[in-house]
Amino acid sequence: MSRNAAKVLSEALQLPEQERLEIASELLESVEGCTDPEWRASWEAELADRAARVRSGQEPVAEWDEVRARIAAQLAHR
């Protein structure tokens, strides 16, 4: 990583979480390219549906610590 990139990263890591997420999203989009508008609309509808199921209690949720431990365990076995 260049010195300039390291500086940008260091400054970005000081931002609030929501701003870091917005920057990460923009950066990913810049390297992944433009998405198909129909795909994006379909995916946003799916996300809204999943969120509604979670809010209504129809969809079980796990705590982040549990999910992180499960991912770490899977990665440790590779």
N, C-alpha and C. Protein backbone atom coordinates (compact mmCIF):
# COMPACT_ATOMS: atom_id res chain seq x y z
N MET A 1 0.86 -1.17 0.00
CA MET A 1 0.00 0.00 0.00
C MET A 1 0.90 1.23 0.00
N SER A 2 0.57 2.18 -0.84
CA SER A 2 1.38 3.40 -0.91
C SER A 2 1.20 4.23 0.36
N ARG A 3 2.11 5.14 0.55
CA ARG A 3 2.04 6.01 1.72
C ARG A 3 0.76 6.85 1.70
N ASN A 4 0.39 7.31 0.50
CA ASN A 4 -0.83 8.11 0.35
C ASN A 4 -2.07 7.28 0.71
N ALA A 5 -2.13 6.04 0.21
CA ALA A 5 -3.26 5.17 0.50
C ALA A 5 -3.32 4.85 1.99
N ALA A 6 -2.18 4.61 2.60
CA ALA A 6 -2.14 4.33 4.04
C ALA A 6 -2.65 5.52 4.85
N LYS A 7 -2.31 6.73 4.39
CA LYS A 7 -2.78 7.93 5.08
C LYS A 7 -4.30 8.06 4.96
N VAL A 8 -4.82 7.83 3.75
CA VAL A 8 -6.27 7.90 3.53
C VAL A 8 -6.97 6.87 4.40
N LEU A 9 -6.44 5.64 4.43
CA LEU A 9 -7.03 4.59 5.24
C LEU A 9 -7.01 4.96 6.72
N SER A 10 -5.90 5.45 7.19
CA SER A 10 -5.78 5.84 8.59
C SER A 10 -6.81 6.91 8.96
N GLU A 11 -6.99 7.88 8.09
CA GLU A 11 -7.97 8.94 8.34
C GLU A 11 -9.39 8.39 8.27
N ALA A 12 -9.64 7.50 7.30
CA ALA A 12 -10.98 6.93 7.15
C ALA A 12 -11.37 6.10 8.37
N LEU A 13 -10.40 5.40 8.96
CA LEU A 13 -10.70 4.57 10.12
C LEU A 13 -11.09 5.39 11.36
N GLN A 14 -10.83 6.68 11.31
CA GLN A 14 -11.21 7.55 12.43
C GLN A 14 -12.66 8.03 12.32
N LEU A 15 -13.29 7.80 11.18
CA LEU A 15 -14.66 8.26 10.95
C LEU A 15 -15.66 7.38 11.69
N PRO A 16 -16.86 7.89 11.92
CA PRO A 16 -17.93 7.08 12.51
C PRO A 16 -18.26 5.89 11.60
N GLU A 17 -18.80 4.84 12.19
CA GLU A 17 -19.08 3.61 11.46
C GLU A 17 -19.92 3.83 10.21
N GLN A 18 -20.98 4.61 10.29
CA GLN A 18 -21.85 4.82 9.13
C GLN A 18 -21.09 5.45 7.97
N GLU A 19 -20.23 6.40 8.26
CA GLU A 19 -19.45 7.04 7.20
C GLU A 19 -18.45 6.06 6.60
N ARG A 20 -17.84 5.20 7.44
CA ARG A 20 -16.92 4.18 6.92
C ARG A 20 -17.65 3.21 6.01
N LEU A 21 -18.89 2.83 6.39
CA LEU A 21 -19.67 1.92 5.56
C LEU A 21 -20.00 2.56 4.21
N GLU A 22 -20.34 3.83 4.22
CA GLU A 22 -20.64 4.53 2.98
C GLU A 22 -19.41 4.58 2.07
N ILE A 23 -18.26 4.87 2.65
CA ILE A 23 -17.02 4.93 1.87
C ILE A 23 -16.69 3.54 1.33
N ALA A 24 -16.83 2.51 2.16
CA ALA A 24 -16.54 1.15 1.72
C ALA A 24 -17.44 0.77 0.55
N SER A 25 -18.70 1.12 0.65
CA SER A 25 -19.64 0.81 -0.41
C SER A 25 -19.24 1.49 -1.71
N GLU A 26 -18.89 2.75 -1.63
CA GLU A 26 -18.47 3.50 -2.82
C GLU A 26 -17.20 2.92 -3.42
N LEU A 27 -16.25 2.54 -2.56
CA LEU A 27 -15.01 1.95 -3.06
C LEU A 27 -15.27 0.63 -3.77
N LEU A 28 -16.10 -0.22 -3.16
CA LEU A 28 -16.43 -1.50 -3.80
C LEU A 28 -17.11 -1.29 -5.14
N GLU A 29 -18.03 -0.37 -5.19
CA GLU A 29 -18.73 -0.11 -6.44
C GLU A 29 -17.76 0.39 -7.51
N SER A 30 -16.75 1.14 -7.09
CA SER A 30 -15.80 1.68 -8.06
C SER A 30 -14.94 0.60 -8.70
N VAL A 31 -14.74 -0.53 -8.03
CA VAL A 31 -13.93 -1.60 -8.62
C VAL A 31 -14.78 -2.73 -9.19
N GLU A 32 -15.99 -2.86 -8.71
CA GLU A 32 -16.87 -3.91 -9.22
C GLU A 32 -17.63 -3.47 -10.45
N GLY A 33 -17.68 -2.19 -10.69
CA GLY A 33 -18.38 -1.68 -11.86
C GLY A 33 -19.84 -1.42 -11.56
N CYS A 34 -20.48 -0.87 -12.52
CA CYS A 34 -21.88 -0.51 -12.41
C CYS A 34 -22.74 -1.78 -12.42
N THR A 35 -23.72 -1.84 -11.55
CA THR A 35 -24.58 -3.01 -11.49
C THR A 35 -25.81 -2.81 -12.37
N ASP A 36 -26.38 -3.90 -12.75
CA ASP A 36 -27.62 -3.90 -13.54
C ASP A 36 -28.74 -3.31 -12.68
N PRO A 37 -29.44 -2.29 -13.14
CA PRO A 37 -30.49 -1.66 -12.34
C PRO A 37 -31.59 -2.64 -11.92
N GLU A 38 -31.92 -3.58 -12.78
CA GLU A 38 -32.95 -4.57 -12.42
C GLU A 38 -32.45 -5.48 -11.31
N TRP A 39 -31.19 -5.88 -11.39
CA TRP A 39 -30.61 -6.71 -10.34
C TRP A 39 -30.59 -5.95 -9.03
N ARG A 40 -30.18 -4.70 -9.10
CA ARG A 40 -30.09 -3.90 -7.87
C ARG A 40 -31.47 -3.73 -7.24
N ALA A 41 -32.49 -3.45 -8.04
CA ALA A 41 -33.85 -3.30 -7.52
C ALA A 41 -34.34 -4.60 -6.91
N SER A 42 -34.04 -5.72 -7.56
CA SER A 42 -34.44 -7.02 -7.05
C SER A 42 -33.75 -7.32 -5.72
N TRP A 43 -32.46 -7.03 -5.64
CA TRP A 43 -31.71 -7.28 -4.42
C TRP A 43 -32.21 -6.38 -3.29
N GLU A 44 -32.49 -5.12 -3.58
CA GLU A 44 -33.01 -4.22 -2.54
C GLU A 44 -34.36 -4.69 -2.04
N ALA A 45 -35.20 -5.22 -2.93
CA ALA A 45 -36.50 -5.76 -2.51
C ALA A 45 -36.31 -6.98 -1.62
N GLU A 46 -35.35 -7.82 -1.97
CA GLU A 46 -35.05 -9.01 -1.14
C GLU A 46 -34.56 -8.59 0.24
N LEU A 47 -33.68 -7.60 0.29
CA LEU A 47 -33.18 -7.12 1.58
C LEU A 47 -34.31 -6.54 2.42
N ALA A 48 -35.19 -5.78 1.80
CA ALA A 48 -36.32 -5.20 2.53
C ALA A 48 -37.23 -6.31 3.07
N ASP A 49 -37.45 -7.35 2.27
CA ASP A 49 -38.27 -8.48 2.71
C ASP A 49 -37.63 -9.21 3.89
N ARG A 50 -36.31 -9.43 3.79
CA ARG A 50 -35.61 -10.10 4.89
C ARG A 50 -35.67 -9.26 6.16
N ALA A 51 -35.47 -7.96 6.03
CA ALA A 51 -35.51 -7.08 7.20
C ALA A 51 -36.90 -7.09 7.83
N ALA A 52 -37.94 -7.09 7.01
CA ALA A 52 -39.31 -7.13 7.53
C ALA A 52 -39.56 -8.43 8.29
N ARG A 53 -39.04 -9.56 7.76
CA ARG A 53 -39.22 -10.84 8.45
C ARG A 53 -38.49 -10.85 9.79
N VAL A 54 -37.32 -10.24 9.85
CA VAL A 54 -36.58 -10.17 11.11
C VAL A 54 -37.34 -9.30 12.12
N ARG A 55 -37.81 -8.13 11.66
CA ARG A 55 -38.54 -7.22 12.56
C ARG A 55 -39.82 -7.86 13.09
N SER A 56 -40.48 -8.68 12.27
CA SER A 56 -41.74 -9.29 12.69
C SER A 56 -41.52 -10.54 13.53
N GLY A 57 -40.27 -10.98 13.65
CA GLY A 57 -39.98 -12.17 14.43
C GLY A 57 -40.10 -13.47 13.65
N GLN A 58 -40.38 -13.38 12.36
CA GLN A 58 -40.50 -14.58 11.53
C GLN A 58 -39.14 -15.19 11.19
N GLU A 59 -38.11 -14.40 11.25
CA GLU A 59 -36.77 -14.86 10.87
C GLU A 59 -35.87 -14.85 12.10
N PRO A 60 -35.25 -15.98 12.44
CA PRO A 60 -34.37 -15.99 13.60
C PRO A 60 -33.10 -15.18 13.33
N VAL A 61 -32.57 -14.57 14.35
CA VAL A 61 -31.34 -13.80 14.21
C VAL A 61 -30.33 -14.30 15.23
N ALA A 62 -29.07 -14.11 14.90
CA ALA A 62 -28.00 -14.50 15.81
C ALA A 62 -27.22 -13.25 16.21
N GLU A 63 -26.68 -13.28 17.41
CA GLU A 63 -25.85 -12.17 17.88
C GLU A 63 -24.54 -12.15 17.09
N TRP A 64 -23.98 -10.97 16.88
CA TRP A 64 -22.76 -10.82 16.09
C TRP A 64 -21.63 -11.65 16.69
N ASP A 65 -21.49 -11.70 18.01
CA ASP A 65 -20.42 -12.49 18.62
C ASP A 65 -20.52 -13.96 18.23
N GLU A 66 -21.76 -14.47 18.17
CA GLU A 66 -21.98 -15.86 17.78
C GLU A 66 -21.61 -16.08 16.31
N VAL A 67 -22.03 -15.16 15.45
CA VAL A 67 -21.73 -15.27 14.03
C VAL A 67 -20.23 -15.19 13.79
N ARG A 68 -19.57 -14.24 14.45
CA ARG A 68 -18.13 -14.06 14.29
C ARG A 68 -17.38 -15.32 14.74
N ALA A 69 -17.80 -15.91 15.85
CA ALA A 69 -17.16 -17.13 16.34
C ALA A 69 -17.34 -18.28 15.35
N ARG A 70 -18.53 -18.37 14.78
CA ARG A 70 -18.80 -19.43 13.80
C ARG A 70 -17.92 -19.25 12.56
N ILE A 71 -17.78 -18.02 12.09
CA ILE A 71 -16.94 -17.74 10.92
C ILE A 71 -15.48 -18.04 11.25
N ALA A 72 -15.03 -17.61 12.41
CA ALA A 72 -13.64 -17.86 12.82
C ALA A 72 -13.36 -19.35 12.90
N ALA A 73 -14.30 -20.12 13.41
CA ALA A 73 -14.13 -21.56 13.50
C ALA A 73 -14.03 -22.19 12.11
N GLN A 74 -14.86 -21.72 11.19
CA GLN A 74 -14.81 -22.24 9.82
C GLN A 74 -13.48 -21.90 9.15
N LEU A 75 -13.01 -20.69 9.36
CA LEU A 75 -11.75 -20.28 8.75
C LEU A 75 -10.56 -21.04 9.36
N ALA A 76 -10.65 -21.38 10.64
CA ALA A 76 -9.57 -22.10 11.31
C ALA A 76 -9.42 -23.52 10.77
N HIS A 77 -10.49 -24.08 10.24
CA HIS A 77 -10.46 -25.44 9.72
C HIS A 77 -10.05 -25.53 8.26
N ARG A 78 -9.68 -24.43 7.67
CA ARG A 78 -9.26 -24.44 6.25
C ARG A 78 -7.80 -24.72 6.11
